[in-house]
């Protein structure tokens, strides 16, 4: 697949080009918005990674121009990091938004997700790679214990459905576990401390779930 990388920093372009080539992508590069649009018109692209602050034509205008003429997937990669910046980027047509500095594996997961070639799951500010049992919060790789990882993956697998403590005990600890159901509460609390309180919802007297997005 062909990816356009447009950034006014030659060092950033070089880093992204090397990383994406190693992942098997063909990479076209541009150091300003005008060159990025030239490549858009000249090449058959599958995805574009666009920086915001570029000379000649800025990233927002590049995105708007591309989206007015095609359905090309676009990822905004920028040092701008406020909620307003993300809103403007996405409302201008970007399909995803990542701030610099970024974790290369998270970027690759996001790219593959946009291209439909990954099982990566995004839940609010978490990126989950079920195949490799890795979880990122923003750009940080979380150090989850096996129990915490198994709990999170079970809740994700059953997203939108309440799981009782007993179901979680059987699914994570196994049928022969002779501990008490409240063990689940302790591990859920520790998991929340790492991933954030808002990811897992408690249904009092019933169990836990991760809500489905609307």
Protein backbone atom coordinates (compact mmCIF):
# COMPACT_ATOMS: atom_id res chain seq x y z
CA UNK A 1 0.00 0.00 0.00
CA UNK A 2 1.10 3.55 -0.75
CA UNK A 3 1.40 6.17 1.99
CA UNK A 4 2.11 9.88 1.61
CA UNK A 5 4.13 11.48 4.42
CA UNK A 6 4.03 15.28 4.42
CA UNK A 7 5.99 17.16 7.10
CA UNK A 8 8.22 20.23 7.01
CA UNK A 9 10.85 18.48 9.15
CA UNK A 10 13.26 16.41 7.02
CA UNK A 11 14.25 14.45 10.13
CA UNK A 12 10.62 13.54 10.88
CA UNK A 13 10.03 12.54 7.27
CA UNK A 14 13.13 10.35 7.34
CA UNK A 15 12.04 8.64 10.58
CA UNK A 16 8.51 7.98 9.32
CA UNK A 17 9.74 6.80 5.94
CA UNK A 18 12.15 4.30 7.50
CA UNK A 19 9.57 2.97 9.94
CA UNK A 20 6.80 2.61 7.35
CA UNK A 21 9.09 0.99 4.79
CA UNK A 22 10.14 -1.55 7.41
CA UNK A 23 6.43 -2.30 7.92
CA UNK A 24 6.07 -3.03 4.21
CA UNK A 25 4.56 0.20 2.90
CA UNK A 26 5.63 2.21 -0.15
CA UNK A 27 6.25 5.78 0.99
CA UNK A 28 6.06 9.08 -0.89
CA UNK A 29 7.37 12.17 0.91
CA UNK A 30 6.78 15.92 0.80
CA UNK A 31 8.22 18.79 2.84
CA UNK A 32 5.42 21.29 2.20
CA UNK A 33 1.71 21.32 1.46
CA UNK A 34 2.08 22.17 -2.21
CA UNK A 35 4.36 19.17 -2.83
CA UNK A 36 1.93 16.99 -0.86
CA UNK A 37 -0.94 17.94 -3.14
CA UNK A 38 1.24 17.37 -6.23
CA UNK A 39 1.88 13.81 -5.04
CA UNK A 40 -1.82 13.33 -4.27
CA UNK A 41 -2.64 14.15 -7.90
CA UNK A 42 0.26 12.13 -9.34
CA UNK A 43 0.24 8.90 -7.32
CA UNK A 44 -2.30 6.27 -6.35
CA UNK A 45 -2.33 6.63 -2.57
CA UNK A 46 -4.01 4.56 0.14
CA UNK A 47 -3.36 6.89 3.08
CA UNK A 48 -1.78 10.25 3.84
CA UNK A 49 0.01 11.34 7.03
CA UNK A 50 -0.17 15.13 7.11
CA UNK A 51 1.57 17.62 9.41
CA UNK A 52 -0.35 20.78 10.30
CA UNK A 53 2.31 23.51 10.21
CA UNK A 54 3.79 23.29 6.72
CA UNK A 55 4.98 26.04 4.36
CA UNK A 56 3.14 27.12 1.19
CA UNK A 57 -0.10 25.29 2.11
CA UNK A 58 -0.84 24.24 5.67
CA UNK A 59 -2.05 20.77 6.65
CA UNK A 60 -5.67 21.79 7.25
CA UNK A 61 -6.00 23.17 3.73
CA UNK A 62 -4.25 20.09 2.31
CA UNK A 63 -6.77 17.84 4.07
CA UNK A 64 -9.73 19.91 2.91
CA UNK A 65 -8.50 19.86 -0.68
CA UNK A 66 -7.90 16.10 -0.69
CA UNK A 67 -11.24 15.30 0.96
CA UNK A 68 -13.11 17.52 -1.51
CA UNK A 69 -11.87 15.29 -4.32
CA UNK A 70 -11.43 11.80 -2.81
CA UNK A 71 -12.11 9.47 0.10
CA UNK A 72 -8.39 8.99 0.84
CA UNK A 73 -7.76 8.13 4.48
CA UNK A 74 -5.86 10.91 6.26
CA UNK A 75 -4.06 10.91 9.60
CA UNK A 76 -3.10 14.28 11.06
CA UNK A 77 0.25 14.02 12.87
CA UNK A 78 1.06 17.28 14.59
CA UNK A 79 2.68 19.01 17.56
CA UNK A 80 -0.61 20.83 18.15
CA UNK A 81 -2.33 19.11 21.02
CA UNK A 82 -5.36 20.96 22.36
CA UNK A 83 -8.90 19.68 22.13
CA UNK A 84 -9.69 22.56 19.78
CA UNK A 85 -6.83 21.51 17.49
CA UNK A 86 -8.12 17.94 17.35
CA UNK A 87 -11.67 19.15 16.70
CA UNK A 88 -10.57 21.42 13.85
CA UNK A 89 -8.45 18.67 12.32
CA UNK A 90 -11.21 16.06 12.42
CA UNK A 91 -13.92 18.47 11.31
CA UNK A 92 -11.73 19.45 8.34
CA UNK A 93 -11.72 15.84 7.16
CA UNK A 94 -8.91 14.03 8.97
CA UNK A 95 -9.84 10.45 9.84
CA UNK A 96 -7.52 10.31 12.86
CA UNK A 97 -5.37 12.67 14.93
CA UNK A 98 -2.08 11.91 16.71
CA UNK A 99 0.10 14.38 18.57
CA UNK A 100 3.89 14.54 18.57
CA UNK A 101 5.86 13.00 20.17
CA UNK A 102 4.23 9.69 19.30
CA UNK A 103 4.86 6.00 19.93
CA UNK A 104 5.80 4.37 16.57
CA UNK A 105 3.83 1.19 17.29
CA UNK A 106 0.72 3.17 18.16
CA UNK A 107 1.07 5.13 14.92
CA UNK A 108 1.41 1.89 12.96
CA UNK A 109 -1.66 0.41 14.66
CA UNK A 110 -3.67 3.53 13.84
CA UNK A 111 -2.51 3.40 10.22
CA UNK A 112 -3.43 -0.26 9.87
CA UNK A 113 -6.79 0.37 11.49
CA UNK A 114 -7.57 3.12 8.98
CA UNK A 115 -6.56 0.77 6.18
CA UNK A 116 -8.63 -2.08 7.61
CA UNK A 117 -5.68 -4.42 8.12
CA UNK A 118 -5.48 -4.70 11.90
CA UNK A 119 -7.35 -5.91 14.95
CA UNK A 120 -6.30 -2.82 16.91
CA UNK A 121 -9.03 -1.49 19.18
CA UNK A 122 -9.35 2.13 20.28
CA UNK A 123 -11.27 2.89 23.48
CA UNK A 124 -11.17 6.58 24.33
CA UNK A 125 -7.43 7.25 24.86
CA UNK A 126 -6.47 3.56 24.92
CA UNK A 127 -5.10 1.60 21.96
CA UNK A 128 -5.30 -2.16 22.45
CA UNK A 129 -3.48 -4.75 20.36
CA UNK A 130 -5.25 -8.03 21.28
CA UNK A 131 -2.96 -10.18 19.15
CA UNK A 132 0.11 -9.16 21.15
CA UNK A 133 -1.69 -8.32 24.42
CA UNK A 134 -0.31 -4.77 24.44
CA UNK A 135 -2.09 -1.67 25.67
CA UNK A 136 -1.10 1.98 25.16
CA UNK A 137 -2.53 4.96 27.04
CA UNK A 138 -1.68 7.90 24.85
CA UNK A 139 1.94 7.21 23.96
CA UNK A 140 2.71 5.15 27.08
CA UNK A 141 2.85 1.36 27.02
CA UNK A 142 1.02 0.12 30.11
CA UNK A 143 2.63 -2.49 32.33
CA UNK A 144 -0.39 -4.68 33.03
CA UNK A 145 -0.17 -7.89 35.00
CA UNK A 146 -1.46 -11.07 33.37
CA UNK A 147 -4.64 -10.91 35.47
CA UNK A 148 -5.21 -7.25 34.57
CA UNK A 149 -4.59 -7.95 30.89
CA UNK A 150 -6.94 -10.95 30.91
CA UNK A 151 -9.67 -8.94 32.63
CA UNK A 152 -9.35 -6.10 30.14
CA UNK A 153 -9.38 -8.43 27.13
CA UNK A 154 -12.43 -10.30 28.46
CA UNK A 155 -14.32 -7.04 28.98
CA UNK A 156 -13.34 -5.86 25.50
CA UNK A 157 -14.40 -9.16 23.92
CA UNK A 158 -17.81 -8.78 25.60
CA UNK A 159 -18.06 -5.03 25.03
CA UNK A 160 -21.53 -3.70 25.69
CA UNK A 161 -22.49 -6.65 27.91
CA UNK A 162 -22.37 -6.73 31.71
CA UNK A 163 -20.15 -9.47 33.09
CA UNK A 164 -20.80 -10.64 36.64
CA UNK A 165 -18.00 -11.21 39.10
CA UNK A 166 -18.61 -14.94 38.79
CA UNK A 167 -18.28 -14.81 34.99
CA UNK A 168 -15.04 -12.86 35.28
CA UNK A 169 -13.71 -15.27 37.91
CA UNK A 170 -14.38 -18.27 35.68
CA UNK A 171 -13.09 -16.55 32.54
CA UNK A 172 -9.87 -15.22 34.08
CA UNK A 173 -9.04 -17.45 37.05
CA UNK A 174 -10.68 -20.68 35.82
CA UNK A 175 -13.36 -23.07 37.04
CA UNK A 176 -11.24 -24.45 39.87
CA UNK A 177 -10.44 -21.12 41.54
CA UNK A 178 -11.59 -21.22 45.16
CA UNK A 179 -11.19 -17.55 46.01
CA UNK A 180 -13.98 -15.06 46.71
CA UNK A 181 -15.83 -13.02 44.09
CA UNK A 182 -14.58 -9.77 45.66
CA UNK A 183 -11.12 -10.64 44.29
CA UNK A 184 -12.45 -9.29 40.99
CA UNK A 185 -13.13 -5.90 42.59
CA UNK A 186 -9.54 -5.62 43.80
CA UNK A 187 -8.07 -6.33 40.38
CA UNK A 188 -10.57 -4.08 38.59
CA UNK A 189 -9.55 -1.26 40.94
CA UNK A 190 -5.86 -1.80 40.15
CA UNK A 191 -6.62 -1.99 36.43
CA UNK A 192 -8.55 1.29 36.60
CA UNK A 193 -5.59 2.97 38.27
CA UNK A 194 -3.58 2.21 35.13
CA UNK A 195 -6.10 2.67 32.30
CA UNK A 196 -8.33 5.35 33.85
CA UNK A 197 -11.57 5.22 35.81
CA UNK A 198 -13.77 6.05 32.82
CA UNK A 199 -13.05 2.96 30.71
CA UNK A 200 -14.79 0.31 32.85
CA UNK A 201 -18.34 0.92 34.07
CA UNK A 202 -19.61 -0.57 37.33
CA UNK A 203 -23.18 -1.86 37.49
CA UNK A 204 -23.81 -2.00 41.21
CA UNK A 205 -24.91 -5.38 42.45
CA UNK A 206 -24.39 -6.90 38.99
CA UNK A 207 -20.88 -6.58 37.59
CA UNK A 208 -18.71 -4.65 35.13
CA UNK A 209 -18.66 -3.72 31.45
CA UNK A 210 -16.98 -1.57 28.84
CA UNK A 211 -19.68 0.43 27.10
CA UNK A 212 -20.08 0.24 23.34
CA UNK A 213 -19.52 3.49 21.49
CA UNK A 214 -22.61 5.05 19.90
